[in-house]
Each structure stands twice: as structure tokens, then as C-alpha cells.
């Protein structure tokens, strides 16, 4: 069962996330649960593999917003870095960023 204690151990800034959720812990946990069900990280991986940088930027930007609003810091960091590179249409190797994001996502899913 997902708890705020487990999210803190994961590295989430739970207090900041709760503040954005009007200190409603059940609501916060529900929203984090929706993140776990979100498949856009897989979509981002495919868009990057297909060199669809504009679409990848839109997906990364949406993920950055979702992760940031819930203060899921371990996920926010690599996705934010990808977002800024994609914003500038940098044709770089995104493998390390994606690998880190996916690893953190898996950790979140296992909580």
C-alpha cells in the first residue's frame, strides 16, 4: 500500500506535495497512484527512438509538470533535464536520462 512514509523514503518532498493538495493526504496518495498508472514515460521513450523531438518535448513537459506538482523529485530531475534539452531541440543521446527516469518510475511503482 502506498503511504506518505514510503514516498518520503523514495525521495519525494511529501510536505510540498501535500501543500499543493490542500494537505489532503488521501487526495495526494490518489494522485500519486494515477502517476503509477500513467504510460507517457513509455510514449516518451518511443518518441525519442523515432526522433520525434517536438512530440517528445510535449510529452516530457507534461511529465515534468505532473511529477513536479506532486514533488516526486527523483522523477522530476531526469525528466526536467530532458525537457530543457528538448525545448532547445538538442539532438543528443537521451538514453541516460530515460534510463534514470524509468528506474525511478519502477521504484515508485514498487512502493
C-alpha atoms as a PDB file:
ATOM      1  CA  UNK A   1       0.000   0.000   0.000  1.00  0.00           C
ATOM      2  CA  UNK A   2       1.285   3.429  -0.974  1.00  0.00           C
ATOM      3  CA  UNK A   3       1.931   5.705   2.012  1.00  0.00           C
ATOM      4  CA  UNK A   4       3.495   9.089   2.607  1.00  0.00           C
ATOM      5  CA  UNK A   5       6.244   7.390   4.611  1.00  0.00           C
ATOM      6  CA  UNK A   6       7.147   5.212   1.636  1.00  0.00           C
ATOM      7  CA  UNK A   7       7.071   8.251  -0.640  1.00  0.00           C
ATOM      8  CA  UNK A   8       9.442  10.075   1.711  1.00  0.00           C
ATOM      9  CA  UNK A   9      11.812   7.091   1.594  1.00  0.00           C
ATOM     10  CA  UNK A  10      11.582   7.239  -2.210  1.00  0.00           C
ATOM     11  CA  UNK A  11      12.770  10.846  -2.045  1.00  0.00           C
ATOM     12  CA  UNK A  12       9.535  12.719  -2.672  1.00  0.00           C
ATOM     13  CA  UNK A  13       9.075  16.062  -0.955  1.00  0.00           C
ATOM     14  CA  UNK A  14       5.798  14.895   0.546  1.00  0.00           C
ATOM     15  CA  UNK A  15       5.229  18.076   2.542  1.00  0.00           C
ATOM     16  CA  UNK A  16       5.389  20.211  -0.612  1.00  0.00           C
ATOM     17  CA  UNK A  17       3.154  17.767  -2.457  1.00  0.00           C
ATOM     18  CA  UNK A  18       0.633  17.783   0.355  1.00  0.00           C
ATOM     19  CA  UNK A  19       0.615  21.573   0.387  1.00  0.00           C
ATOM     20  CA  UNK A  20      -0.419  21.545  -3.278  1.00  0.00           C
ATOM     21  CA  UNK A  21      -3.183  19.094  -2.343  1.00  0.00           C
ATOM     22  CA  UNK A  22      -4.603  21.264   0.436  1.00  0.00           C
ATOM     23  CA  UNK A  23      -2.921  18.946   2.982  1.00  0.00           C
ATOM     24  CA  UNK A  24      -5.354  16.199   1.992  1.00  0.00           C
ATOM     25  CA  UNK A  25      -3.234  13.062   2.316  1.00  0.00           C
ATOM     26  CA  UNK A  26      -5.809  10.753   0.699  1.00  0.00           C
ATOM     27  CA  UNK A  27      -6.052  13.063  -2.318  1.00  0.00           C
ATOM     28  CA  UNK A  28      -2.270  13.239  -2.621  1.00  0.00           C
ATOM     29  CA  UNK A  29      -1.933   9.452  -2.465  1.00  0.00           C
ATOM     30  CA  UNK A  30      -4.693   9.108  -5.083  1.00  0.00           C
ATOM     31  CA  UNK A  31      -2.870  11.458  -7.444  1.00  0.00           C
ATOM     32  CA  UNK A  32       0.430   9.625  -6.965  1.00  0.00           C
ATOM     33  CA  UNK A  33      -1.450   6.408  -7.712  1.00  0.00           C
ATOM     34  CA  UNK A  34      -2.549   7.920 -11.014  1.00  0.00           C
ATOM     35  CA  UNK A  35       1.108   8.655 -11.828  1.00  0.00           C
ATOM     36  CA  UNK A  36       1.864   4.976 -11.348  1.00  0.00           C
ATOM     37  CA  UNK A  37      -0.776   4.134 -13.961  1.00  0.00           C
ATOM     38  CA  UNK A  38       0.476   6.720 -16.445  1.00  0.00           C
ATOM     39  CA  UNK A  39       2.090   5.300 -19.607  1.00  0.00           C
ATOM     40  CA  UNK A  40       3.577   8.515 -21.020  1.00  0.00           C
ATOM     41  CA  UNK A  41       7.113   7.602 -19.997  1.00  0.00           C
ATOM     42  CA  UNK A  42       6.879   4.694 -22.456  1.00  0.00           C
ATOM     43  CA  UNK A  43       5.481   7.088 -25.046  1.00  0.00           C
ATOM     44  CA  UNK A  44       8.414   9.438 -24.470  1.00  0.00           C
ATOM     45  CA  UNK A  45      10.835   6.571 -24.965  1.00  0.00           C
ATOM     46  CA  UNK A  46       9.203   5.703 -28.301  1.00  0.00           C
ATOM     47  CA  UNK A  47       9.129   9.328 -29.452  1.00  0.00           C
ATOM     48  CA  UNK A  48      12.829   9.684 -28.702  1.00  0.00           C
ATOM     49  CA  UNK A  49      13.593   6.417 -30.514  1.00  0.00           C
ATOM     50  CA  UNK A  50      11.684   7.757 -33.537  1.00  0.00           C
ATOM     51  CA  UNK A  51      13.483  11.140 -33.302  1.00  0.00           C
ATOM     52  CA  UNK A  52      10.158  12.942 -32.862  1.00  0.00           C
ATOM     53  CA  UNK A  53      11.706  15.735 -30.830  1.00  0.00           C
ATOM     54  CA  UNK A  54       8.726  18.105 -30.907  1.00  0.00           C
ATOM     55  CA  UNK A  55       6.333  15.393 -29.717  1.00  0.00           C
ATOM     56  CA  UNK A  56       8.906  14.212 -27.173  1.00  0.00           C
ATOM     57  CA  UNK A  57       9.167  17.756 -25.813  1.00  0.00           C
ATOM     58  CA  UNK A  58       5.395  17.941 -25.316  1.00  0.00           C
ATOM     59  CA  UNK A  59       5.348  14.586 -23.535  1.00  0.00           C
ATOM     60  CA  UNK A  60       8.384  15.382 -21.375  1.00  0.00           C
ATOM     61  CA  UNK A  61       6.931  18.769 -20.469  1.00  0.00           C
ATOM     62  CA  UNK A  62       3.647  17.169 -19.371  1.00  0.00           C
ATOM     63  CA  UNK A  63       5.514  14.585 -17.294  1.00  0.00           C
ATOM     64  CA  UNK A  64       7.675  17.281 -15.736  1.00  0.00           C
ATOM     65  CA  UNK A  65       4.560  19.158 -14.661  1.00  0.00           C
ATOM     66  CA  UNK A  66       2.899  16.079 -13.227  1.00  0.00           C
ATOM     67  CA  UNK A  67       5.975  14.926 -11.323  1.00  0.00           C
ATOM     68  CA  UNK A  68       6.823  18.438 -10.130  1.00  0.00           C
ATOM     69  CA  UNK A  69       3.329  19.216  -8.876  1.00  0.00           C
ATOM     70  CA  UNK A  70       3.403  16.089  -6.742  1.00  0.00           C
ATOM     71  CA  UNK A  71       7.010  16.753  -5.681  1.00  0.00           C
ATOM     72  CA  UNK A  72       8.217  13.372  -6.936  1.00  0.00           C
ATOM     73  CA  UNK A  73      11.759  14.712  -7.025  1.00  0.00           C
ATOM     74  CA  UNK A  74      13.590  11.543  -8.140  1.00  0.00           C
ATOM     75  CA  UNK A  75      11.408  11.502 -11.271  1.00  0.00           C
ATOM     76  CA  UNK A  76      11.328  15.242 -11.757  1.00  0.00           C
ATOM     77  CA  UNK A  77      15.097  15.647 -12.097  1.00  0.00           C
ATOM     78  CA  UNK A  78      15.810  13.481 -15.174  1.00  0.00           C
ATOM     79  CA  UNK A  79      12.571  14.473 -16.901  1.00  0.00           C
ATOM     80  CA  UNK A  80      13.261  18.176 -16.301  1.00  0.00           C
ATOM     81  CA  UNK A  81      16.706  17.832 -17.808  1.00  0.00           C
ATOM     82  CA  UNK A  82      15.253  16.096 -20.862  1.00  0.00           C
ATOM     83  CA  UNK A  83      12.551  18.746 -21.167  1.00  0.00           C
ATOM     84  CA  UNK A  84      15.064  21.576 -21.334  1.00  0.00           C
ATOM     85  CA  UNK A  85      17.215  19.776 -23.893  1.00  0.00           C
ATOM     86  CA  UNK A  86      14.148  19.023 -25.993  1.00  0.00           C
ATOM     87  CA  UNK A  87      12.907  22.604 -25.650  1.00  0.00           C
ATOM     88  CA  UNK A  88      16.145  23.655 -27.351  1.00  0.00           C
ATOM     89  CA  UNK A  89      15.751  20.868 -29.934  1.00  0.00           C
ATOM     90  CA  UNK A  90      19.025  19.299 -28.825  1.00  0.00           C
ATOM     91  CA  UNK A  91      19.661  16.135 -30.798  1.00  0.00           C
ATOM     92  CA  UNK A  92      21.615  14.376 -28.059  1.00  0.00           C
ATOM     93  CA  UNK A  93      21.632  10.892 -26.615  1.00  0.00           C
ATOM     94  CA  UNK A  94      18.751  10.832 -24.132  1.00  0.00           C
ATOM     95  CA  UNK A  95      19.459   7.254 -23.040  1.00  0.00           C
ATOM     96  CA  UNK A  96      20.929   8.070 -19.621  1.00  0.00           C
ATOM     97  CA  UNK A  97      18.103  10.469 -18.742  1.00  0.00           C
ATOM     98  CA  UNK A  98      15.475   7.999 -19.859  1.00  0.00           C
ATOM     99  CA  UNK A  99      17.173   5.133 -18.045  1.00  0.00           C
ATOM    100  CA  UNK A 100      17.220   7.144 -14.808  1.00  0.00           C
ATOM    101  CA  UNK A 101      13.590   8.214 -15.199  1.00  0.00           C
ATOM    102  CA  UNK A 102      12.468   4.657 -15.870  1.00  0.00           C
ATOM    103  CA  UNK A 103      14.477   3.322 -12.915  1.00  0.00           C
ATOM    104  CA  UNK A 104      12.894   5.888 -10.596  1.00  0.00           C
ATOM    105  CA  UNK A 105       9.466   5.150 -12.026  1.00  0.00           C
ATOM    106  CA  UNK A 106       9.945   1.450 -11.306  1.00  0.00           C
ATOM    107  CA  UNK A 107      10.964   2.273  -7.719  1.00  0.00           C
ATOM    108  CA  UNK A 108       7.810   4.343  -7.347  1.00  0.00           C
ATOM    109  CA  UNK A 109       5.688   1.514  -8.744  1.00  0.00           C
ATOM    110  CA  UNK A 110       7.151  -0.906  -6.194  1.00  0.00           C
ATOM    111  CA  UNK A 111       6.215   1.213  -3.162  1.00  0.00           C
END
